[in-house]
Amino acid sequence: MKATTAGLPTKTESIVLGGGCFWCIEAVFGRIDGIRSAVSGYAGGDLENPAYDQVTTGTTGHAEVVKVEFDPESIRLEDVLDIFFSAHDPTTENRQGADTGTQYRSAVFFLDAKQESIVRRKIASIDAAGIWKNKVITEVAPLAAFWPAEESHQDYYEKHPYAGYCRVVIAPKLKKIGLDIGALVK
């Protein structure tokens, strides 16, 4: 599971990723070595400090996202993006599975020009390799603001492993990308 660096100074970078329901993306990145935190939230919209009930209407312009903080000495941004593009379908517009609406769009909100370049190169390489049947349509935009989601949405899979959405959507996704889901079920 996550590597620990108690007492050691570490450099941390972050990027904000939207790949459908934030519960799924947070559950994935919460299990990756080198990831310091994965926080569910909202980005890409016009409303300041939006609430879940507002975002789910699809009228605020926000996407459900996860702010991923990582140790670049343990995991490169390119590897973070490989995981991200494996954990959702970046070729569907405004949907992931049964979740539909602009709030479920595939999106990467970068923090600087270097990140933007890496993201655009990664997308071009995925398209060139023909990994997906269709071209990647992930939104790539600078991060204007990240708004953490309500506490009830943080660590959702860990708190509710037997909930229907967790069993039917999140657990198979974790298994598909090769992450251990049994460690959560006590």
N, C-alpha and C. Protein backbone atom coordinates (compact mmCIF):
# COMPACT_ATOMS: atom_id res chain seq x y z
N MET A 1 0.83 -1.18 0.00
CA MET A 1 0.00 0.00 0.00
C MET A 1 0.88 1.25 0.00
N LYS A 2 0.39 2.34 0.58
CA LYS A 2 1.13 3.59 0.54
C LYS A 2 2.47 3.48 1.27
N ALA A 3 3.50 4.05 0.68
CA ALA A 3 4.80 4.13 1.33
C ALA A 3 4.73 5.19 2.42
N THR A 4 5.44 4.96 3.50
CA THR A 4 5.47 5.95 4.56
C THR A 4 6.82 6.63 4.58
N THR A 5 6.82 7.89 4.90
CA THR A 5 8.07 8.65 4.98
C THR A 5 8.08 9.46 6.26
N ALA A 6 7.61 8.86 7.35
CA ALA A 6 7.51 9.56 8.63
C ALA A 6 8.85 10.19 8.99
N GLY A 7 8.80 11.46 9.27
CA GLY A 7 9.99 12.17 9.70
C GLY A 7 10.93 12.59 8.59
N LEU A 8 10.68 12.19 7.38
CA LEU A 8 11.56 12.55 6.28
C LEU A 8 10.96 13.69 5.47
N PRO A 9 11.77 14.70 5.14
CA PRO A 9 11.22 15.77 4.30
C PRO A 9 10.98 15.24 2.89
N THR A 10 9.86 15.58 2.33
CA THR A 10 9.55 15.14 0.97
C THR A 10 9.02 16.32 0.17
N LYS A 11 9.29 16.26 -1.11
CA LYS A 11 8.73 17.24 -2.03
C LYS A 11 7.39 16.68 -2.48
N THR A 12 6.39 17.52 -2.54
CA THR A 12 5.08 17.08 -2.97
C THR A 12 4.63 17.93 -4.14
N GLU A 13 4.07 17.26 -5.15
CA GLU A 13 3.43 17.93 -6.28
C GLU A 13 1.96 17.54 -6.26
N SER A 14 1.15 18.30 -6.96
CA SER A 14 -0.25 17.94 -7.04
C SER A 14 -0.78 18.22 -8.44
N ILE A 15 -1.84 17.51 -8.77
CA ILE A 15 -2.58 17.69 -10.01
C ILE A 15 -4.02 17.33 -9.70
N VAL A 16 -4.96 17.90 -10.45
CA VAL A 16 -6.38 17.67 -10.19
C VAL A 16 -6.96 16.90 -11.37
N LEU A 17 -7.58 15.75 -11.06
CA LEU A 17 -8.05 14.82 -12.08
C LEU A 17 -9.54 14.54 -11.94
N GLY A 18 -10.24 14.58 -13.06
CA GLY A 18 -11.66 14.24 -13.09
C GLY A 18 -11.88 13.09 -14.04
N GLY A 19 -12.44 12.01 -13.53
CA GLY A 19 -12.69 10.83 -14.36
C GLY A 19 -13.99 10.17 -13.99
N GLY A 20 -15.06 10.96 -13.96
CA GLY A 20 -16.35 10.44 -13.54
C GLY A 20 -16.55 10.72 -12.07
N CYS A 21 -17.23 9.83 -11.39
CA CYS A 21 -17.50 9.99 -9.97
C CYS A 21 -16.19 10.07 -9.18
N PHE A 22 -16.08 11.07 -8.34
CA PHE A 22 -14.83 11.24 -7.60
C PHE A 22 -14.56 10.11 -6.63
N TRP A 23 -15.60 9.40 -6.19
CA TRP A 23 -15.38 8.27 -5.28
C TRP A 23 -14.47 7.23 -5.93
N CYS A 24 -14.63 7.00 -7.22
CA CYS A 24 -13.82 6.00 -7.92
C CYS A 24 -12.36 6.43 -8.01
N ILE A 25 -12.14 7.63 -8.48
CA ILE A 25 -10.77 8.11 -8.68
C ILE A 25 -10.05 8.21 -7.34
N GLU A 26 -10.74 8.68 -6.31
CA GLU A 26 -10.13 8.76 -4.98
C GLU A 26 -9.76 7.36 -4.47
N ALA A 27 -10.63 6.39 -4.67
CA ALA A 27 -10.35 5.02 -4.21
C ALA A 27 -9.12 4.45 -4.91
N VAL A 28 -8.97 4.74 -6.19
CA VAL A 28 -7.80 4.26 -6.94
C VAL A 28 -6.54 4.88 -6.37
N PHE A 29 -6.49 6.20 -6.32
CA PHE A 29 -5.24 6.86 -5.92
C PHE A 29 -4.93 6.71 -4.44
N GLY A 30 -5.91 6.37 -3.64
CA GLY A 30 -5.66 6.12 -2.23
C GLY A 30 -4.87 4.84 -1.98
N ARG A 31 -4.62 4.07 -3.04
CA ARG A 31 -3.93 2.78 -2.91
C ARG A 31 -2.59 2.73 -3.63
N ILE A 32 -2.11 3.84 -4.09
CA ILE A 32 -0.90 3.87 -4.91
C ILE A 32 0.29 4.37 -4.10
N ASP A 33 1.38 3.62 -4.13
CA ASP A 33 2.61 4.06 -3.47
C ASP A 33 3.06 5.39 -4.05
N GLY A 34 3.50 6.27 -3.19
CA GLY A 34 3.97 7.59 -3.62
C GLY A 34 2.91 8.65 -3.61
N ILE A 35 1.64 8.25 -3.47
CA ILE A 35 0.55 9.23 -3.38
C ILE A 35 0.42 9.63 -1.92
N ARG A 36 0.52 10.92 -1.67
CA ARG A 36 0.44 11.44 -0.31
C ARG A 36 -1.01 11.66 0.13
N SER A 37 -1.85 12.12 -0.80
CA SER A 37 -3.27 12.29 -0.48
C SER A 37 -4.07 12.32 -1.77
N ALA A 38 -5.33 11.96 -1.63
CA ALA A 38 -6.30 12.02 -2.72
C ALA A 38 -7.58 12.59 -2.11
N VAL A 39 -7.93 13.80 -2.49
CA VAL A 39 -9.04 14.52 -1.88
C VAL A 39 -10.12 14.78 -2.94
N SER A 40 -11.32 14.31 -2.67
CA SER A 40 -12.43 14.55 -3.58
C SER A 40 -12.86 16.02 -3.52
N GLY A 41 -13.24 16.54 -4.68
CA GLY A 41 -13.68 17.93 -4.71
C GLY A 41 -14.26 18.32 -6.05
N TYR A 42 -14.24 19.62 -6.31
CA TYR A 42 -14.85 20.19 -7.51
C TYR A 42 -13.90 21.18 -8.14
N ALA A 43 -13.88 21.21 -9.48
CA ALA A 43 -13.06 22.18 -10.21
C ALA A 43 -13.69 22.41 -11.58
N GLY A 44 -13.29 23.52 -12.20
CA GLY A 44 -13.69 23.78 -13.57
C GLY A 44 -14.99 24.54 -13.75
N GLY A 45 -15.57 25.00 -12.66
CA GLY A 45 -16.84 25.70 -12.76
C GLY A 45 -16.74 27.16 -12.36
N ASP A 46 -17.88 27.81 -12.33
CA ASP A 46 -17.94 29.25 -12.06
C ASP A 46 -18.35 29.59 -10.63
N LEU A 47 -19.04 28.71 -9.96
CA LEU A 47 -19.57 28.97 -8.63
C LEU A 47 -18.48 28.77 -7.58
N GLU A 48 -18.32 29.75 -6.68
CA GLU A 48 -17.35 29.60 -5.60
C GLU A 48 -17.91 28.68 -4.52
N ASN A 49 -17.04 27.83 -3.99
CA ASN A 49 -17.36 26.92 -2.90
C ASN A 49 -18.66 26.16 -3.16
N PRO A 50 -18.74 25.43 -4.27
CA PRO A 50 -19.97 24.71 -4.59
C PRO A 50 -20.22 23.54 -3.65
N ALA A 51 -21.47 23.16 -3.54
CA ALA A 51 -21.88 22.00 -2.76
C ALA A 51 -22.25 20.87 -3.73
N TYR A 52 -22.20 19.65 -3.23
CA TYR A 52 -22.51 18.48 -4.04
C TYR A 52 -23.88 18.60 -4.71
N ASP A 53 -24.87 19.02 -3.96
CA ASP A 53 -26.22 19.15 -4.53
C ASP A 53 -26.26 20.14 -5.68
N GLN A 54 -25.41 21.17 -5.65
CA GLN A 54 -25.34 22.13 -6.75
C GLN A 54 -24.61 21.54 -7.95
N VAL A 55 -23.49 20.87 -7.70
CA VAL A 55 -22.68 20.31 -8.79
C VAL A 55 -23.44 19.23 -9.54
N THR A 56 -24.20 18.40 -8.81
CA THR A 56 -24.91 17.30 -9.46
C THR A 56 -26.01 17.76 -10.41
N THR A 57 -26.38 19.05 -10.34
CA THR A 57 -27.38 19.55 -11.29
C THR A 57 -26.78 19.71 -12.68
N GLY A 58 -25.43 19.77 -12.75
CA GLY A 58 -24.78 19.98 -14.04
C GLY A 58 -24.80 21.42 -14.50
N THR A 59 -25.25 22.34 -13.67
CA THR A 59 -25.38 23.74 -14.08
C THR A 59 -24.25 24.64 -13.59
N THR A 60 -23.36 24.15 -12.74
CA THR A 60 -22.30 25.00 -12.17
C THR A 60 -21.03 25.00 -13.02
N GLY A 61 -20.93 24.05 -13.94
CA GLY A 61 -19.73 23.93 -14.76
C GLY A 61 -18.62 23.12 -14.10
N HIS A 62 -18.80 22.74 -12.85
CA HIS A 62 -17.78 21.97 -12.15
C HIS A 62 -17.78 20.51 -12.57
N ALA A 63 -16.61 19.90 -12.47
CA ALA A 63 -16.47 18.46 -12.60
C ALA A 63 -16.18 17.90 -11.22
N GLU A 64 -16.63 16.68 -10.96
CA GLU A 64 -16.20 15.98 -9.77
C GLU A 64 -14.75 15.58 -10.02
N VAL A 65 -13.86 15.96 -9.13
CA VAL A 65 -12.42 15.75 -9.33
C VAL A 65 -11.77 15.24 -8.06
N VAL A 66 -10.51 14.86 -8.20
CA VAL A 66 -9.69 14.48 -7.06
C VAL A 66 -8.37 15.22 -7.15
N LYS A 67 -8.02 15.90 -6.09
CA LYS A 67 -6.71 16.54 -6.01
C LYS A 67 -5.74 15.48 -5.51
N VAL A 68 -4.81 15.11 -6.38
CA VAL A 68 -3.84 14.06 -6.08
C VAL A 68 -2.51 14.72 -5.74
N GLU A 69 -2.05 14.52 -4.52
CA GLU A 69 -0.74 15.01 -4.10
C GLU A 69 0.19 13.81 -4.06
N PHE A 70 1.36 13.97 -4.70
CA PHE A 70 2.27 12.84 -4.82
C PHE A 70 3.71 13.27 -4.61
N ASP A 71 4.53 12.28 -4.27
CA ASP A 71 5.96 12.48 -4.08
C ASP A 71 6.63 12.17 -5.41
N PRO A 72 7.14 13.18 -6.13
CA PRO A 72 7.71 12.94 -7.46
C PRO A 72 8.99 12.09 -7.42
N GLU A 73 9.57 11.90 -6.24
CA GLU A 73 10.73 11.01 -6.13
C GLU A 73 10.29 9.55 -6.04
N SER A 74 9.01 9.32 -5.73
CA SER A 74 8.47 7.97 -5.63
C SER A 74 7.64 7.58 -6.85
N ILE A 75 6.95 8.56 -7.42
CA ILE A 75 6.09 8.30 -8.58
C ILE A 75 6.10 9.53 -9.47
N ARG A 76 6.33 9.32 -10.74
CA ARG A 76 6.38 10.42 -11.70
C ARG A 76 4.96 10.82 -12.11
N LEU A 77 4.82 12.06 -12.55
CA LEU A 77 3.52 12.51 -13.05
C LEU A 77 3.06 11.62 -14.20
N GLU A 78 3.97 11.20 -15.05
CA GLU A 78 3.62 10.31 -16.17
C GLU A 78 2.96 9.03 -15.67
N ASP A 79 3.45 8.50 -14.54
CA ASP A 79 2.87 7.28 -13.98
C ASP A 79 1.50 7.56 -13.37
N VAL A 80 1.36 8.71 -12.72
CA VAL A 80 0.06 9.12 -12.19
C VAL A 80 -0.95 9.18 -13.34
N LEU A 81 -0.54 9.75 -14.46
CA LEU A 81 -1.43 9.86 -15.61
C LEU A 81 -1.74 8.50 -16.22
N ASP A 82 -0.77 7.59 -16.26
CA ASP A 82 -1.04 6.24 -16.75
C ASP A 82 -2.15 5.58 -15.93
N ILE A 83 -2.05 5.72 -14.62
CA ILE A 83 -3.08 5.15 -13.73
C ILE A 83 -4.42 5.82 -13.99
N PHE A 84 -4.42 7.14 -14.08
CA PHE A 84 -5.65 7.89 -14.32
C PHE A 84 -6.32 7.45 -15.62
N PHE A 85 -5.56 7.36 -16.70
CA PHE A 85 -6.15 7.01 -17.99
C PHE A 85 -6.52 5.54 -18.08
N SER A 86 -6.07 4.72 -17.13
CA SER A 86 -6.49 3.32 -17.05
C SER A 86 -7.73 3.16 -16.18
N ALA A 87 -7.94 4.11 -15.28
CA ALA A 87 -9.01 3.99 -14.29
C ALA A 87 -10.37 4.50 -14.78
N HIS A 88 -10.40 5.12 -15.95
CA HIS A 88 -11.68 5.59 -16.49
C HIS A 88 -11.58 5.61 -18.01
N ASP A 89 -12.71 5.82 -18.66
CA ASP A 89 -12.74 5.90 -20.12
C ASP A 89 -12.64 7.37 -20.54
N PRO A 90 -11.48 7.80 -21.02
CA PRO A 90 -11.29 9.20 -21.38
C PRO A 90 -11.82 9.56 -22.77
N THR A 91 -12.58 8.65 -23.36
CA THR A 91 -13.08 8.88 -24.72
C THR A 91 -14.58 9.16 -24.76
N THR A 92 -15.23 9.13 -23.62
CA THR A 92 -16.68 9.38 -23.60
C THR A 92 -16.95 10.79 -23.10
N GLU A 93 -17.84 11.47 -23.79
CA GLU A 93 -18.13 12.85 -23.43
C GLU A 93 -19.16 12.92 -22.31
N ASN A 94 -18.77 13.55 -21.22
CA ASN A 94 -19.68 13.83 -20.11
C ASN A 94 -20.36 12.58 -19.53
N ARG A 95 -19.57 11.51 -19.44
CA ARG A 95 -20.14 10.30 -18.83
C ARG A 95 -19.04 9.32 -18.47
N GLN A 96 -19.35 8.54 -17.44
CA GLN A 96 -18.58 7.35 -17.07
C GLN A 96 -19.61 6.32 -16.65
N GLY A 97 -19.75 5.28 -17.46
CA GLY A 97 -20.76 4.26 -17.16
C GLY A 97 -22.13 4.89 -17.13
N ALA A 98 -22.85 4.64 -16.03
CA ALA A 98 -24.21 5.16 -15.89
C ALA A 98 -24.24 6.62 -15.42
N ASP A 99 -23.10 7.14 -14.98
CA ASP A 99 -23.03 8.53 -14.52
C ASP A 99 -22.93 9.45 -15.73
N THR A 100 -23.93 10.32 -15.92
CA THR A 100 -23.92 11.23 -17.06
C THR A 100 -24.07 12.67 -16.61
N GLY A 101 -23.48 13.56 -17.39
CA GLY A 101 -23.55 14.99 -17.11
C GLY A 101 -22.15 15.58 -17.15
N THR A 102 -22.09 16.89 -17.34
CA THR A 102 -20.79 17.56 -17.44
C THR A 102 -19.95 17.39 -16.18
N GLN A 103 -20.59 17.15 -15.05
CA GLN A 103 -19.85 16.97 -13.80
C GLN A 103 -19.05 15.66 -13.80
N TYR A 104 -19.32 14.76 -14.75
CA TYR A 104 -18.62 13.48 -14.83
C TYR A 104 -17.63 13.43 -16.00
N ARG A 105 -17.32 14.59 -16.56
CA ARG A 105 -16.41 14.62 -17.71
C ARG A 105 -14.99 14.22 -17.30
N SER A 106 -14.26 13.76 -18.29
CA SER A 106 -12.84 13.46 -18.10
C SER A 106 -12.09 14.79 -18.19
N ALA A 107 -11.27 15.08 -17.16
CA ALA A 107 -10.58 16.37 -17.12
C ALA A 107 -9.28 16.27 -16.34
N VAL A 108 -8.31 17.04 -16.80
CA VAL A 108 -7.06 17.22 -16.06
C VAL A 108 -6.87 18.72 -15.89
N PHE A 109 -6.77 19.15 -14.65
CA PHE A 109 -6.52 20.55 -14.34
C PHE A 109 -5.08 20.65 -13.86
N PHE A 110 -4.25 21.26 -14.69
CA PHE A 110 -2.81 21.34 -14.41
C PHE A 110 -2.47 22.60 -13.63
N LEU A 111 -1.28 22.58 -12.99
CA LEU A 111 -0.85 23.70 -12.17
C LEU A 111 0.18 24.59 -12.85
N ASP A 112 0.86 24.07 -13.88
CA ASP A 112 1.89 24.87 -14.55
C ASP A 112 2.11 24.35 -15.98
N ALA A 113 2.92 25.08 -16.73
CA ALA A 113 3.17 24.74 -18.14
C ALA A 113 3.86 23.38 -18.28
N LYS A 114 4.71 23.03 -17.35
CA LYS A 114 5.39 21.73 -17.41
C LYS A 114 4.37 20.60 -17.31
N GLN A 115 3.45 20.71 -16.36
CA GLN A 115 2.40 19.69 -16.24
C GLN A 115 1.54 19.64 -17.49
N GLU A 116 1.18 20.79 -18.02
CA GLU A 116 0.36 20.80 -19.23
C GLU A 116 1.06 20.05 -20.36
N SER A 117 2.35 20.30 -20.53
CA SER A 117 3.11 19.64 -21.58
C SER A 117 3.12 18.13 -21.38
N ILE A 118 3.33 17.69 -20.16
CA ILE A 118 3.35 16.25 -19.87
C ILE A 118 1.99 15.63 -20.15
N VAL A 119 0.92 16.30 -19.73
CA VAL A 119 -0.44 15.78 -19.96
C VAL A 119 -0.72 15.68 -21.46
N ARG A 120 -0.42 16.72 -22.20
CA ARG A 120 -0.70 16.70 -23.65
C ARG A 120 0.13 15.63 -24.37
N ARG A 121 1.37 15.46 -23.96
CA ARG A 121 2.20 14.38 -24.54
C ARG A 121 1.63 13.00 -24.21
N LYS A 122 1.15 12.84 -22.98
CA LYS A 122 0.58 11.55 -22.57
C LYS A 122 -0.65 11.24 -23.41
N ILE A 123 -1.53 12.21 -23.60
CA ILE A 123 -2.73 11.99 -24.41
C ILE A 123 -2.35 11.65 -25.84
N ALA A 124 -1.39 12.38 -26.41
CA ALA A 124 -0.95 12.09 -27.78
C ALA A 124 -0.39 10.68 -27.89
N SER A 125 0.35 10.24 -26.88
CA SER A 125 0.94 8.89 -26.94
C SER A 125 -0.14 7.82 -26.80
N ILE A 126 -1.16 8.08 -25.99
CA ILE A 126 -2.27 7.13 -25.85
C ILE A 126 -3.01 7.01 -27.17
N ASP A 127 -3.29 8.16 -27.80
CA ASP A 127 -3.98 8.13 -29.10
C ASP A 127 -3.14 7.44 -30.16
N ALA A 128 -1.85 7.74 -30.20
CA ALA A 128 -0.96 7.14 -31.21
C ALA A 128 -0.86 5.63 -31.04
N ALA A 129 -0.91 5.17 -29.80
CA ALA A 129 -0.80 3.73 -29.52
C ALA A 129 -2.12 2.99 -29.76
N GLY A 130 -3.20 3.73 -29.94
CA GLY A 130 -4.50 3.10 -30.17
C GLY A 130 -5.00 2.33 -28.96
N ILE A 131 -4.68 2.80 -27.77
CA ILE A 131 -5.08 2.11 -26.54
C ILE A 131 -6.60 2.07 -26.42
N TRP A 132 -7.26 3.13 -26.80
CA TRP A 132 -8.71 3.19 -26.78
C TRP A 132 -9.22 3.16 -28.22
N LYS A 133 -10.40 2.63 -28.41
CA LYS A 133 -11.01 2.56 -29.74
C LYS A 133 -11.20 3.96 -30.32
N ASN A 134 -11.59 4.91 -29.48
CA ASN A 134 -11.81 6.28 -29.90
C ASN A 134 -10.72 7.18 -29.33
N LYS A 135 -10.62 8.40 -29.85
CA LYS A 135 -9.62 9.35 -29.38
C LYS A 135 -9.96 9.86 -27.98
N VAL A 136 -8.94 10.19 -27.23
CA VAL A 136 -9.10 10.77 -25.90
C VAL A 136 -9.67 12.18 -26.05
N ILE A 137 -10.73 12.47 -25.29
CA ILE A 137 -11.35 13.80 -25.35
C ILE A 137 -11.27 14.50 -23.98
N THR A 138 -10.34 14.09 -23.17
CA THR A 138 -10.16 14.67 -21.84
C THR A 138 -9.91 16.17 -21.94
N GLU A 139 -10.65 16.93 -21.14
CA GLU A 139 -10.42 18.37 -21.04
C GLU A 139 -9.07 18.58 -20.35
N VAL A 140 -8.25 19.46 -20.91
CA VAL A 140 -6.97 19.82 -20.30
C VAL A 140 -7.00 21.34 -20.10
N ALA A 141 -6.98 21.77 -18.83
CA ALA A 141 -7.15 23.19 -18.54
C ALA A 141 -6.35 23.56 -17.28
N PRO A 142 -5.99 24.85 -17.18
CA PRO A 142 -5.31 25.28 -15.96
C PRO A 142 -6.29 25.24 -14.78
N LEU A 143 -5.77 24.93 -13.61
CA LEU A 143 -6.60 24.90 -12.42
C LEU A 143 -6.83 26.33 -11.94
N ALA A 144 -8.09 26.75 -11.92
CA ALA A 144 -8.42 28.08 -11.40
C ALA A 144 -8.68 27.99 -9.90
N ALA A 145 -9.40 26.96 -9.49
CA ALA A 145 -9.70 26.75 -8.07
C ALA A 145 -10.08 25.30 -7.85
N PHE A 146 -9.73 24.79 -6.71
CA PHE A 146 -10.15 23.46 -6.27
C PHE A 146 -10.94 23.64 -4.99
N TRP A 147 -12.13 23.07 -4.98
CA TRP A 147 -12.99 23.15 -3.80
C TRP A 147 -13.16 21.75 -3.24
N PRO A 148 -12.65 21.48 -2.03
CA PRO A 148 -12.85 20.15 -1.44
C PRO A 148 -14.33 19.84 -1.28
N ALA A 149 -14.68 18.59 -1.55
CA ALA A 149 -16.07 18.14 -1.35
C ALA A 149 -16.35 18.00 0.14
N GLU A 150 -17.60 17.87 0.45
CA GLU A 150 -18.04 17.70 1.83
C GLU A 150 -17.40 16.45 2.43
N GLU A 151 -17.25 16.44 3.73
CA GLU A 151 -16.59 15.33 4.44
C GLU A 151 -17.24 13.99 4.12
N SER A 152 -18.55 13.96 3.91
CA SER A 152 -19.24 12.70 3.62
C SER A 152 -18.76 12.06 2.32
N HIS A 153 -18.09 12.81 1.45
CA HIS A 153 -17.59 12.28 0.19
C HIS A 153 -16.11 11.87 0.25
N GLN A 154 -15.43 12.22 1.34
CA GLN A 154 -14.02 11.87 1.47
C GLN A 154 -13.89 10.41 1.93
N ASP A 155 -12.96 9.68 1.33
CA ASP A 155 -12.72 8.27 1.70
C ASP A 155 -14.00 7.44 1.63
N TYR A 156 -14.83 7.73 0.65
CA TYR A 156 -16.14 7.10 0.56
C TYR A 156 -16.06 5.58 0.49
N TYR A 157 -15.18 5.08 -0.35
CA TYR A 157 -15.07 3.62 -0.51
C TYR A 157 -14.62 2.95 0.80
N GLU A 158 -13.69 3.56 1.49
CA GLU A 158 -13.22 2.99 2.75
C GLU A 158 -14.33 2.98 3.80
N LYS A 159 -15.17 4.00 3.79
CA LYS A 159 -16.25 4.11 4.77
C LYS A 159 -17.45 3.23 4.43
N HIS A 160 -17.63 2.92 3.13
CA HIS A 160 -18.85 2.21 2.69
C HIS A 160 -18.53 1.08 1.70
N PRO A 161 -17.62 0.16 2.04
CA PRO A 161 -17.23 -0.86 1.05
C PRO A 161 -18.37 -1.77 0.61
N TYR A 162 -19.43 -1.86 1.41
CA TYR A 162 -20.54 -2.74 1.05
C TYR A 162 -21.70 -2.01 0.39
N ALA A 163 -21.59 -0.69 0.24
CA ALA A 163 -22.64 0.06 -0.45
C ALA A 163 -22.73 -0.40 -1.90
N GLY A 164 -23.91 -0.33 -2.46
CA GLY A 164 -24.13 -0.83 -3.82
C GLY A 164 -23.16 -0.25 -4.83
N TYR A 165 -22.99 1.07 -4.85
CA TYR A 165 -22.10 1.70 -5.83
C TYR A 165 -20.66 1.22 -5.65
N CYS A 166 -20.26 1.05 -4.41
CA CYS A 166 -18.90 0.60 -4.14
C CYS A 166 -18.68 -0.83 -4.65
N ARG A 167 -19.66 -1.71 -4.40
CA ARG A 167 -19.52 -3.11 -4.82
C ARG A 167 -19.65 -3.27 -6.33
N VAL A 168 -20.56 -2.50 -6.94
CA VAL A 168 -20.86 -2.70 -8.36
C VAL A 168 -19.93 -1.89 -9.28
N VAL A 169 -19.49 -0.72 -8.85
CA VAL A 169 -18.69 0.15 -9.72
C VAL A 169 -17.23 0.26 -9.26
N ILE A 170 -17.02 0.61 -8.01
CA ILE A 170 -15.65 0.88 -7.57
C ILE A 170 -14.81 -0.40 -7.44
N ALA A 171 -15.32 -1.41 -6.76
CA ALA A 171 -14.54 -2.64 -6.55
C ALA A 171 -14.10 -3.27 -7.87
N PRO A 172 -14.99 -3.41 -8.88
CA PRO A 172 -14.52 -3.96 -10.16
C PRO A 172 -13.48 -3.08 -10.85
N LYS A 173 -13.59 -1.77 -10.68
CA LYS A 173 -12.61 -0.85 -11.27
C LYS A 173 -11.24 -1.07 -10.63
N LEU A 174 -11.21 -1.20 -9.32
CA LEU A 174 -9.95 -1.45 -8.63
C LEU A 174 -9.34 -2.77 -9.08
N LYS A 175 -10.18 -3.77 -9.19
CA LYS A 175 -9.70 -5.09 -9.64
C LYS A 175 -9.18 -5.02 -11.07
N LYS A 176 -9.88 -4.30 -11.93
CA LYS A 176 -9.50 -4.16 -13.34
C LYS A 176 -8.09 -3.59 -13.47
N ILE A 177 -7.77 -2.61 -12.65
CA ILE A 177 -6.44 -2.01 -12.79
C ILE A 177 -5.42 -2.65 -11.84
N GLY A 178 -5.82 -3.77 -11.23
CA GLY A 178 -4.86 -4.57 -10.48
C GLY A 178 -4.60 -4.12 -9.06
N LEU A 179 -5.54 -3.42 -8.44
CA LEU A 179 -5.34 -2.98 -7.06
C LEU A 179 -6.05 -3.92 -6.10
N ASP A 180 -5.43 -4.15 -4.98
CA ASP A 180 -5.97 -5.04 -3.96
C ASP A 180 -7.18 -4.39 -3.31
N ILE A 181 -8.34 -5.06 -3.43
CA ILE A 181 -9.53 -4.52 -2.77
C ILE A 181 -9.84 -5.31 -1.51
N GLY A 182 -9.30 -6.49 -1.38
CA GLY A 182 -9.59 -7.32 -0.22
C GLY A 182 -9.08 -6.73 1.08
N ALA A 183 -8.03 -5.93 1.02
CA ALA A 183 -7.47 -5.35 2.24
C ALA A 183 -8.46 -4.43 2.94
N LEU A 184 -9.44 -3.93 2.21
CA LEU A 184 -10.42 -3.02 2.81
C LEU A 184 -11.54 -3.75 3.52
N VAL A 185 -11.82 -4.95 3.10
CA VAL A 185 -12.97 -5.67 3.63
C VAL A 185 -12.53 -6.42 4.88
N LYS A 186 -13.04 -6.00 6.01
CA LYS A 186 -12.62 -6.58 7.29
C LYS A 186 -13.65 -7.55 7.80
